[in-house]
PDB file of N, CA and C in Angstrom:
ATOM      1  N   MET A   1      -5.733  -9.952  11.634  1.00  0.00           N
ATOM      2  CA  MET A   1      -6.441 -10.326  11.272  1.00  0.00           C
ATOM      3  C   MET A   1      -6.122  -8.866   9.959  1.00  0.00           C
ATOM      4  N   ASN A   2      -5.677  -9.683   9.227  1.00  0.00           N
ATOM      5  CA  ASN A   2      -6.148  -8.184   7.638  1.00  0.00           C
ATOM      6  C   ASN A   2      -7.479  -7.871   7.320  1.00  0.00           C
ATOM      7  N   GLN A   3      -6.660  -6.357   7.134  1.00  0.00           N
ATOM      8  CA  GLN A   3      -8.019  -5.553   7.285  1.00  0.00           C
ATOM      9  C   GLN A   3      -8.236  -5.495   5.837  1.00  0.00           C
ATOM     10  N   LYS A   4      -8.225  -6.321   4.902  1.00  0.00           N
ATOM     11  CA  LYS A   4      -8.001  -6.207   3.435  1.00  0.00           C
ATOM     12  C   LYS A   4      -7.910  -7.958   3.042  1.00  0.00           C
ATOM     13  N   ALA A   5      -8.818  -7.899   1.972  1.00  0.00           N
ATOM     14  CA  ALA A   5      -8.903  -9.400   1.082  1.00  0.00           C
ATOM     15  C   ALA A   5      -9.202  -9.167  -0.311  1.00  0.00           C
ATOM     16  N   ILE A   6      -9.210  -9.760  -0.968  1.00  0.00           N
ATOM     17  CA  ILE A   6      -8.840  -9.567  -2.858  1.00  0.00           C
ATOM     18  C   ILE A   6      -9.747 -11.086  -2.883  1.00  0.00           C
ATOM     19  N   ILE A   7     -10.858 -10.770  -3.556  1.00  0.00           N
ATOM     20  CA  ILE A   7     -12.041 -12.456  -3.611  1.00  0.00           C
ATOM     21  C   ILE A   7     -12.197 -11.659  -4.988  1.00  0.00           C
ATOM     22  N   ASN A   8     -12.147 -12.828  -5.290  1.00  0.00           N
ATOM     23  CA  ASN A   8     -12.625 -13.009  -7.105  1.00  0.00           C
ATOM     24  C   ASN A   8     -12.837 -11.968  -6.904  1.00  0.00           C
ATOM     25  N   GLY A   9     -11.200 -10.728  -7.578  1.00  0.00           N
ATOM     26  CA  GLY A   9     -10.711 -10.073  -7.679  1.00  0.00           C
ATOM     27  C   GLY A   9     -10.909  -8.475  -7.455  1.00  0.00           C
ATOM     28  N   LYS A  10     -12.135  -9.180  -6.645  1.00  0.00           N
ATOM     29  CA  LYS A  10     -12.653  -7.372  -5.748  1.00  0.00           C
ATOM     30  C   LYS A  10     -12.327  -7.301  -4.450  1.00  0.00           C
ATOM     31  N   GLU A  11     -12.002  -6.471  -4.222  1.00  0.00           N
ATOM     32  CA  GLU A  11     -10.446  -5.836  -2.421  1.00  0.00           C
ATOM     33  C   GLU A  11     -12.246  -5.596  -2.092  1.00  0.00           C
ATOM     34  N   TYR A  12     -12.431  -6.391  -0.884  1.00  0.00           N
ATOM     35  CA  TYR A  12     -12.828  -5.730   0.538  1.00  0.00           C
ATOM     36  C   TYR A  12     -11.974  -5.771   2.219  1.00  0.00           C
ATOM     37  N   ARG A  13     -12.804  -4.880   2.803  1.00  0.00           N
ATOM     38  CA  ARG A  13     -12.337  -4.214   4.537  1.00  0.00           C
ATOM     39  C   ARG A  13     -13.189  -5.136   5.143  1.00  0.00           C
ATOM     40  N   PHE A  14     -12.850  -6.453   5.986  1.00  0.00           N
ATOM     41  CA  PHE A  14     -12.624  -6.474   7.452  1.00  0.00           C
ATOM     42  C   PHE A  14     -13.339  -5.633   8.368  1.00  0.00           C
ATOM     43  N   ILE A  15     -14.937  -6.338   8.785  1.00  0.00           N
ATOM     44  CA  ILE A  15     -15.292  -5.758   9.912  1.00  0.00           C
ATOM     45  C   ILE A  15     -14.841  -6.795  11.338  1.00  0.00           C
ATOM     46  N   LYS A  16     -15.564  -7.440  11.527  1.00  0.00           N
ATOM     47  CA  LYS A  16     -15.200  -7.937  12.573  1.00  0.00           C
ATOM     48  C   LYS A  16     -15.456  -9.505  12.305  1.00  0.00           C
ATOM     49  N   THR A  17     -15.169 -10.600  13.277  1.00  0.00           N
ATOM     50  CA  THR A  17     -15.710 -11.875  13.389  1.00  0.00           C
ATOM     51  C   THR A  17     -16.779 -12.000  14.401  1.00  0.00           C
ATOM     52  N   GLU A  18     -17.460 -13.305  13.896  1.00  0.00           N
ATOM     53  CA  GLU A  18     -18.010 -13.753  14.437  1.00  0.00           C
ATOM     54  C   GLU A  18     -18.259 -15.019  14.847  1.00  0.00           C
ATOM     55  N   THR A  19     -18.481 -15.776  15.708  1.00  0.00           N
ATOM     56  CA  THR A  19     -18.231 -16.897  15.769  1.00  0.00           C
ATOM     57  C   THR A  19     -19.967 -17.752  16.230  1.00  0.00           C
ATOM     58  N   ASP A  20     -20.119 -18.800  15.230  1.00  0.00           N
ATOM     59  CA  ASP A  20     -21.424 -19.109  15.358  1.00  0.00           C
ATOM     60  C   ASP A  20     -21.684 -19.950  16.573  1.00  0.00           C
ATOM     61  N   MET A  21     -22.761 -19.945  17.229  1.00  0.00           N
ATOM     62  CA  MET A  21     -23.866 -20.018  18.359  1.00  0.00           C
ATOM     63  C   MET A  21     -23.430 -21.991  18.782  1.00  0.00           C
ATOM     64  N   ILE A  22     -24.212 -22.599  17.436  1.00  0.00           N
ATOM     65  CA  ILE A  22     -24.304 -23.571  16.965  1.00  0.00           C
ATOM     66  C   ILE A  22     -22.404 -24.657  16.623  1.00  0.00           C
ATOM     67  N   THR A  23     -22.115 -24.038  15.944  1.00  0.00           N
ATOM     68  CA  THR A  23     -21.306 -25.178  14.930  1.00  0.00           C
ATOM     69  C   THR A  23     -20.400 -24.485  16.139  1.00  0.00           C
ATOM     70  N   ASN A  24     -19.631 -23.663  16.139  1.00  0.00           N
ATOM     71  CA  ASN A  24     -18.948 -22.862  17.138  1.00  0.00           C
ATOM     72  C   ASN A  24     -17.191 -22.051  15.999  1.00  0.00           C
ATOM     73  N   ARG A  25     -18.108 -22.052  14.616  1.00  0.00           N
ATOM     74  CA  ARG A  25     -17.102 -22.321  13.521  1.00  0.00           C
ATOM     75  C   ARG A  25     -16.949 -20.766  13.958  1.00  0.00           C
ATOM     76  N   THR A  26     -16.093 -20.140  13.128  1.00  0.00           N
ATOM     77  CA  THR A  26     -15.913 -18.467  13.374  1.00  0.00           C
ATOM     78  C   THR A  26     -15.929 -18.460  11.971  1.00  0.00           C
ATOM     79  N   ALA A  27     -16.545 -16.624  11.642  1.00  0.00           N
ATOM     80  CA  ALA A  27     -16.753 -15.966  10.417  1.00  0.00           C
ATOM     81  C   ALA A  27     -16.422 -15.246  10.767  1.00  0.00           C
ATOM     82  N   VAL A  28     -16.099 -14.557   8.686  1.00  0.00           N
ATOM     83  CA  VAL A  28     -16.014 -13.185   9.280  1.00  0.00           C
ATOM     84  C   VAL A  28     -16.654 -12.026   8.180  1.00  0.00           C
ATOM     85  N   LEU A  29     -17.054 -10.812   9.418  1.00  0.00           N
ATOM     86  CA  LEU A  29     -17.922 -10.400   8.443  1.00  0.00           C
ATOM     87  C   LEU A  29     -17.585  -9.069   8.321  1.00  0.00           C
ATOM     88  N   PHE A  30     -17.542  -9.183   6.091  1.00  0.00           N
ATOM     89  CA  PHE A  30     -16.940  -7.716   5.946  1.00  0.00           C
ATOM     90  C   PHE A  30     -17.608  -6.941   4.758  1.00  0.00           C
ATOM     91  N   GLU A  31     -17.112  -5.805   4.034  1.00  0.00           N
ATOM     92  CA  GLU A  31     -17.450  -5.241   2.828  1.00  0.00           C
ATOM     93  C   GLU A  31     -16.969  -4.892   2.096  1.00  0.00           C
ATOM     94  N   ASN A  32     -17.915  -3.974   1.270  1.00  0.00           N
ATOM     95  CA  ASN A  32     -17.283  -3.466   0.007  1.00  0.00           C
ATOM     96  C   ASN A  32     -17.068  -2.414  -0.709  1.00  0.00           C
ATOM     97  N   GLU A  33     -16.534  -2.515  -1.936  1.00  0.00           N
ATOM     98  CA  GLU A  33     -16.512  -0.450  -1.343  1.00  0.00           C
ATOM     99  C   GLU A  33     -17.522  -0.090  -1.717  1.00  0.00           C
ATOM    100  N   HIS A  34     -18.557  -0.075  -1.855  1.00  0.00           N
ATOM    101  CA  HIS A  34     -20.169   0.861  -1.210  1.00  0.00           C
ATOM    102  C   HIS A  34     -21.598   0.532   0.122  1.00  0.00           C
ATOM    103  N   GLY A  35     -19.836  -0.619   1.093  1.00  0.00           N
ATOM    104  CA  GLY A  35     -20.694  -1.016   1.908  1.00  0.00           C
ATOM    105  C   GLY A  35     -21.630  -1.578   2.085  1.00  0.00           C
ATOM    106  N   CYS A  36     -21.447  -2.857   0.687  1.00  0.00           N
ATOM    107  CA  CYS A  36     -22.596  -3.367   1.367  1.00  0.00           C
ATOM    108  C   CYS A  36     -21.458  -4.735   2.010  1.00  0.00           C
ATOM    109  N   PRO A  37     -22.676  -5.395   3.071  1.00  0.00           N
ATOM    110  CA  PRO A  37     -22.106  -6.131   4.141  1.00  0.00           C
ATOM    111  C   PRO A  37     -22.144  -7.732   3.885  1.00  0.00           C
ATOM    112  N   PHE A  38     -21.172  -8.620   3.409  1.00  0.00           N
ATOM    113  CA  PHE A  38     -20.679 -10.471   3.529  1.00  0.00           C
ATOM    114  C   PHE A  38     -20.662 -10.708   4.668  1.00  0.00           C
ATOM    115  N   ILE A  39     -20.286 -12.272   4.340  1.00  0.00           N
ATOM    116  CA  ILE A  39     -19.398 -12.873   4.628  1.00  0.00           C
ATOM    117  C   ILE A  39     -19.242 -14.195   4.924  1.00  0.00           C
ATOM    118  N   CYS A  40     -17.966 -15.159   5.527  1.00  0.00           N
ATOM    119  CA  CYS A  40     -17.583 -16.220   5.093  1.00  0.00           C
ATOM    120  C   CYS A  40     -16.820 -16.517   6.101  1.00  0.00           C
ATOM    121  N   PRO A  41     -15.885 -18.033   5.821  1.00  0.00           N
ATOM    122  CA  PRO A  41     -15.802 -18.388   7.006  1.00  0.00           C
ATOM    123  C   PRO A  41     -14.235 -17.871   7.268  1.00  0.00           C
ATOM    124  N   VAL A  42     -13.726 -17.751   8.629  1.00  0.00           N
ATOM    125  CA  VAL A  42     -12.633 -17.168   7.991  1.00  0.00           C
ATOM    126  C   VAL A  42     -11.478 -17.338   7.302  1.00  0.00           C
ATOM    127  N   GLU A  43     -11.285 -18.992   7.383  1.00  0.00           N
ATOM    128  CA  GLU A  43     -10.980 -19.660   6.398  1.00  0.00           C
ATOM    129  C   GLU A  43     -10.335 -18.803   5.128  1.00  0.00           C
ATOM    130  N   ALA A  44     -11.905 -18.763   4.631  1.00  0.00           N
ATOM    131  CA  ALA A  44     -11.620 -18.488   3.284  1.00  0.00           C
ATOM    132  C   ALA A  44     -10.397 -16.823   3.147  1.00  0.00           C
ATOM    133  N   TRP A  45     -11.062 -16.159   4.742  1.00  0.00           N
ATOM    134  CA  TRP A  45     -11.120 -14.774   4.191  1.00  0.00           C
ATOM    135  C   TRP A  45      -9.268 -15.306   4.641  1.00  0.00           C
ATOM    136  N   LEU A  46      -8.206 -15.633   5.692  1.00  0.00           N
ATOM    137  CA  LEU A  46      -7.191 -15.409   5.160  1.00  0.00           C
ATOM    138  C   LEU A  46      -6.807 -16.151   4.084  1.00  0.00           C
ATOM    139  N   GLU A  47      -6.841 -16.767   3.230  1.00  0.00           N
ATOM    140  CA  GLU A  47      -6.700 -17.437   2.255  1.00  0.00           C
ATOM    141  C   GLU A  47      -6.590 -16.421   0.840  1.00  0.00           C
ATOM    142  N   ASN A  48      -7.459 -15.386   1.061  1.00  0.00           N
ATOM    143  CA  ASN A  48      -7.649 -13.948   0.202  1.00  0.00           C
ATOM    144  C   ASN A  48      -6.894 -12.941   0.827  1.00  0.00           C
ATOM    145  N   ALA A  49      -6.545 -13.125   1.956  1.00  0.00           N
ATOM    146  CA  ALA A  49      -5.908 -11.787   2.879  1.00  0.00           C
ATOM    147  C   ALA A  49      -5.202 -11.130   1.673  1.00  0.00           C
ATOM    148  N   LYS A  50      -5.450 -10.066   2.057  1.00  0.00           N
ATOM    149  CA  LYS A  50      -4.004  -9.257   0.897  1.00  0.00           C
ATOM    150  C   LYS A  50      -2.362  -9.454   1.933  1.00  0.00           C
ATOM    151  N   ARG A  51      -1.290  -9.567   1.381  1.00  0.00           N
ATOM    152  CA  ARG A  51       0.147  -9.370   2.259  1.00  0.00           C
ATOM    153  C   ARG A  51       0.278  -8.297   2.412  1.00  0.00           C
ATOM    154  N   GLU A  52       0.488  -7.500   2.796  1.00  0.00           N
ATOM    155  CA  GLU A  52       2.121  -6.145   3.335  1.00  0.00           C
ATOM    156  C   GLU A  52       2.237  -6.292   3.351  1.00  0.00           C
ATOM    157  N   GLU A  53       3.289  -6.049   2.484  1.00  0.00           N
ATOM    158  CA  GLU A  53       4.924  -4.811   2.442  1.00  0.00           C
ATOM    159  C   GLU A  53       5.250  -5.065   3.724  1.00  0.00           C
ATOM    160  N   PRO A  54       6.011  -5.911   4.594  1.00  0.00           N
ATOM    161  CA  PRO A  54       7.061  -4.733   5.592  1.00  0.00           C
ATOM    162  C   PRO A  54       7.662  -3.840   5.105  1.00  0.00           C
ATOM    163  N   ALA A  55       7.931  -2.783   6.683  1.00  0.00           N
ATOM    164  CA  ALA A  55       8.034  -1.772   6.129  1.00  0.00           C
ATOM    165  C   ALA A  55       9.877  -1.279   6.436  1.00  0.00           C
ATOM    166  N   PHE A  56      10.048  -1.345   5.590  1.00  0.00           N
ATOM    167  CA  PHE A  56      11.345  -0.297   5.180  1.00  0.00           C
ATOM    168  C   PHE A  56      12.217   0.477   5.731  1.00  0.00           C
ATOM    169  N   ASN A  57      13.295  -0.600   6.995  1.00  0.00           N
ATOM    170  CA  ASN A  57      13.679  -0.774   7.417  1.00  0.00           C
ATOM    171  C   ASN A  57      15.543  -1.002   7.475  1.00  0.00           C
ATOM    172  N   LYS A  58      16.859  -0.779   8.067  1.00  0.00           N
ATOM    173  CA  LYS A  58      17.706  -1.163   7.974  1.00  0.00           C
ATOM    174  C   LYS A  58      18.414  -2.505   7.344  1.00  0.00           C
ATOM    175  N   TYR A  59      17.409  -3.295   7.277  1.00  0.00           N
ATOM    176  CA  TYR A  59      16.812  -5.114   7.301  1.00  0.00           C
ATOM    177  C   TYR A  59      16.858  -5.197   5.849  1.00  0.00           C
ATOM    178  N   ALA A  60      16.113  -4.306   5.029  1.00  0.00           N
ATOM    179  CA  ALA A  60      15.878  -4.215   3.737  1.00  0.00           C
ATOM    180  C   ALA A  60      16.709  -4.434   3.103  1.00  0.00           C
ATOM    181  N   SER A  61      16.844  -5.539   2.331  1.00  0.00           N
ATOM    182  CA  SER A  61      17.582  -5.895   1.042  1.00  0.00           C
ATOM    183  C   SER A  61      18.745  -4.438   0.557  1.00  0.00           C
ATOM    184  N   PRO A  62      19.620  -4.444  -0.347  1.00  0.00           N
ATOM    185  CA  PRO A  62      20.709  -3.230  -0.561  1.00  0.00           C
ATOM    186  C   PRO A  62      19.537  -3.906  -1.843  1.00  0.00           C
ATOM    187  N   GLU A  63      18.853  -4.376  -2.485  1.00  0.00           N
ATOM    188  CA  GLU A  63      18.499  -4.184  -4.223  1.00  0.00           C
ATOM    189  C   GLU A  63      16.984  -2.985  -3.510  1.00  0.00           C
ATOM    190  N   LYS A  64      17.029  -3.284  -2.734  1.00  0.00           N
ATOM    191  CA  LYS A  64      15.720  -2.714  -1.447  1.00  0.00           C
ATOM    192  C   LYS A  64      15.820  -0.848  -2.268  1.00  0.00           C
ATOM    193  N   LYS A  65      17.154  -1.306  -1.122  1.00  0.00           N
ATOM    194  CA  LYS A  65      17.422   0.225  -0.972  1.00  0.00           C
ATOM    195  C   LYS A  65      17.967   1.439  -1.658  1.00  0.00           C
ATOM    196  N   ILE A  66      18.722   0.573  -3.334  1.00  0.00           N
ATOM    197  CA  ILE A  66      18.914   0.915  -4.101  1.00  0.00           C
ATOM    198  C   ILE A  66      17.360   1.275  -4.857  1.00  0.00           C
ATOM    199  N   ALA A  67      16.992   1.160  -5.183  1.00  0.00           N
ATOM    200  CA  ALA A  67      15.435   0.727  -5.856  1.00  0.00           C
ATOM    201  C   ALA A  67      15.121   2.479  -5.422  1.00  0.00           C
ATOM    202  N   LEU A  68      15.268   1.993  -3.926  1.00  0.00           N
ATOM    203  CA  LEU A  68      14.525   4.036  -3.292  1.00  0.00           C
ATOM    204  C   LEU A  68      15.404   4.905  -3.707  1.00  0.00           C
ATOM    205  N   PHE A  69      16.671   4.596  -3.690  1.00  0.00           N
ATOM    206  CA  PHE A  69      17.319   5.732  -3.636  1.00  0.00           C
ATOM    207  C   PHE A  69      16.838   6.571  -4.877  1.00  0.00           C
ATOM    208  N   LYS A  70      16.836   5.803  -6.263  1.00  0.00           N
ATOM    209  CA  LYS A  70      16.676   5.988  -7.552  1.00  0.00           C
ATOM    210  C   LYS A  70      15.283   6.456  -7.388  1.00  0.00           C
ATOM    211  N   SER A  71      14.593   5.778  -7.199  1.00  0.00           N
ATOM    212  CA  SER A  71      12.935   6.385  -6.833  1.00  0.00           C
ATOM    213  C   SER A  71      12.874   8.310  -6.417  1.00  0.00           C
ATOM    214  N   LEU A  72      13.985   8.474  -5.414  1.00  0.00           N
ATOM    215  CA  LEU A  72      13.686   9.887  -5.440  1.00  0.00           C
ATOM    216  C   LEU A  72      14.769  11.215  -5.876  1.00  0.00           C
ATOM    217  N   PHE A  73      15.254  10.209  -7.323  1.00  0.00           N
ATOM    218  CA  PHE A  73      15.198  11.348  -8.670  1.00  0.00           C
ATOM    219  C   PHE A  73      14.656  10.716  -9.000  1.00  0.00           C
ATOM    220  N   ILE A  74      14.356  10.158  -9.763  1.00  0.00           N
ATOM    221  CA  ILE A  74      12.769   9.643 -10.691  1.00  0.00           C
ATOM    222  C   ILE A  74      12.911  11.330 -12.105  1.00  0.00           C
ATOM    223  N   GLY A  75      13.004  12.066 -10.944  1.00  0.00           N
ATOM    224  CA  GLY A  75      12.628  13.890 -12.196  1.00  0.00           C
ATOM    225  C   GLY A  75      13.754  14.429 -12.613  1.00  0.00           C
ATOM    226  N   ARG A  76      14.884  13.652 -12.534  1.00  0.00           N
ATOM    227  CA  ARG A  76      16.425  13.958 -12.673  1.00  0.00           C
ATOM    228  C   ARG A  76      17.093  14.195 -13.757  1.00  0.00           C
ATOM    229  N   LYS A  77      15.715  12.763 -14.632  1.00  0.00           N
ATOM    230  CA  LYS A  77      16.900  11.931 -15.793  1.00  0.00           C
ATOM    231  C   LYS A  77      17.459  12.408 -17.230  1.00  0.00           C
ATOM    232  N   THR A  78      17.178  14.068 -17.304  1.00  0.00           N
ATOM    233  CA  THR A  78      16.832  14.696 -18.384  1.00  0.00           C
ATOM    234  C   THR A  78      18.418  14.874 -17.527  1.00  0.00           C
ATOM    235  N   GLY A  79      19.397  15.221 -17.100  1.00  0.00           N
ATOM    236  CA  GLY A  79      20.804  15.215 -16.899  1.00  0.00           C
ATOM    237  C   GLY A  79      21.557  16.967 -16.914  1.00  0.00           C
ATOM    238  N   LYS A  80      20.217  17.459 -17.172  1.00  0.00           N
ATOM    239  CA  LYS A  80      20.634  18.530 -16.697  1.00  0.00           C
ATOM    240  C   LYS A  80      19.884  19.243 -15.550  1.00  0.00           C
ATOM    241  N   MET A  81      20.589  20.452 -14.784  1.00  0.00           N
ATOM    242  CA  MET A  81      21.059  20.372 -14.086  1.00  0.00           C
ATOM    243  C   MET A  81      20.043  21.232 -13.286  1.00  0.00           C
ATOM    244  N   MET A  82      18.685  21.158 -12.150  1.00  0.00           N
ATOM    245  CA  MET A  82      18.044  22.159 -12.341  1.00  0.00           C
ATOM    246  C   MET A  82      18.459  23.404 -10.772  1.00  0.00           C
ATOM    247  N   SER A  83      17.768  24.994 -11.444  1.00  0.00           N
ATOM    248  CA  SER A  83      17.960  25.965 -10.375  1.00  0.00           C
ATOM    249  C   SER A  83      16.464  25.611  -9.693  1.00  0.00           C
ATOM    250  N   PRO A  84      17.009  26.757  -9.209  1.00  0.00           N
ATOM    251  CA  PRO A  84      16.062  26.390  -7.822  1.00  0.00           C
ATOM    252  C   PRO A  84      15.029  27.853  -8.509  1.00  0.00           C
ATOM    253  N   LEU A  85      15.048  28.479  -9.223  1.00  0.00           N
ATOM    254  CA  LEU A  85      13.842  29.059  -9.534  1.00  0.00           C
ATOM    255  C   LEU A  85      13.496  28.902 -10.931  1.00  0.00           C
ATOM    256  N   SER A  86      11.898  28.778 -11.497  1.00  0.00           N
ATOM    257  CA  SER A  86      12.836  28.898 -12.864  1.00  0.00           C
ATOM    258  C   SER A  86      13.443  29.339 -14.008  1.00  0.00           C
ATOM    259  N   GLU A  87      14.450  29.229 -14.910  1.00  0.00           N
ATOM    260  CA  GLU A  87      14.830  30.117 -16.081  1.00  0.00           C
ATOM    261  C   GLU A  87      15.068  30.971 -16.460  1.00  0.00           C
ATOM    262  N   SER A  88      12.851  31.800 -17.003  1.00  0.00           N
ATOM    263  CA  SER A  88      12.752  32.520 -17.390  1.00  0.00           C
ATOM    264  C   SER A  88      12.536  33.274 -15.728  1.00  0.00           C
ATOM    265  N   CYS A  89      12.653  33.443 -14.546  1.00  0.00           N
ATOM    266  CA  CYS A  89      13.087  33.950 -13.783  1.00  0.00           C
ATOM    267  C   CYS A  89      14.086  34.248 -13.038  1.00  0.00           C
ATOM    268  N   ALA A  90      15.431  33.610 -13.105  1.00  0.00           N
ATOM    269  CA  ALA A  90      15.901  33.131 -12.452  1.00  0.00           C
ATOM    270  C   ALA A  90      17.171  34.146 -12.678  1.00  0.00           C
ATOM    271  N   ASP A  91      17.644  35.311 -11.611  1.00  0.00           N
ATOM    272  CA  ASP A  91      18.562  36.484 -11.484  1.00  0.00           C
ATOM    273  C   ASP A  91      19.529  35.556 -11.123  1.00  0.00           C
ATOM    274  N   ASN A  92      20.592  35.806 -11.633  1.00  0.00           N
ATOM    275  CA  ASN A  92      21.755  35.011 -11.983  1.00  0.00           C
ATOM    276  C   ASN A  92      22.610  35.836 -10.763  1.00  0.00           C
ATOM    277  N   SER A  93      22.513  37.102 -10.493  1.00  0.00           N
ATOM    278  CA  SER A  93      23.218  37.579  -9.130  1.00  0.00           C
ATOM    279  C   SER A  93      22.902  37.095  -8.699  1.00  0.00           C
ATOM    280  N   ILE A  94      22.357  36.621  -8.400  1.00  0.00           N
ATOM    281  CA  ILE A  94      22.285  35.480  -6.589  1.00  0.00           C
ATOM    282  C   ILE A  94      23.078  34.818  -6.356  1.00  0.00           C
ATOM    283  N   TYR A  95      23.687  33.919  -7.721  1.00  0.00           N
ATOM    284  CA  TYR A  95      24.767  33.089  -7.358  1.00  0.00           C
ATOM    285  C   TYR A  95      26.597  33.061  -7.780  1.00  0.00           C
ATOM    286  N   ARG A  96      26.274  34.326  -7.600  1.00  0.00           N
ATOM    287  CA  ARG A  96      27.349  35.212  -8.058  1.00  0.00           C
ATOM    288  C   ARG A  96      28.120  34.342  -6.426  1.00  0.00           C
TER     289      ARG A  96
END
């Protein structure tokens, strides 16, 4: 069972499932961010369940791999080489 669902634009957290003794239907007990409990049919929960992205692995598409690689260098778009020390306190003698 997915741990989160978005219902009417709000995110809710799964607590547990319960089965009605008379109708034998399953319902989901869940709560909002304030801890207020709610209940709905399991079908409604599954319909609105948050879809989790699969983990990134070697089988990811080339586009995803390239996007990840580029995201690692976001702070370097200035084209300027960054010194391991800030320019104001860099001692050039250590690079000789």
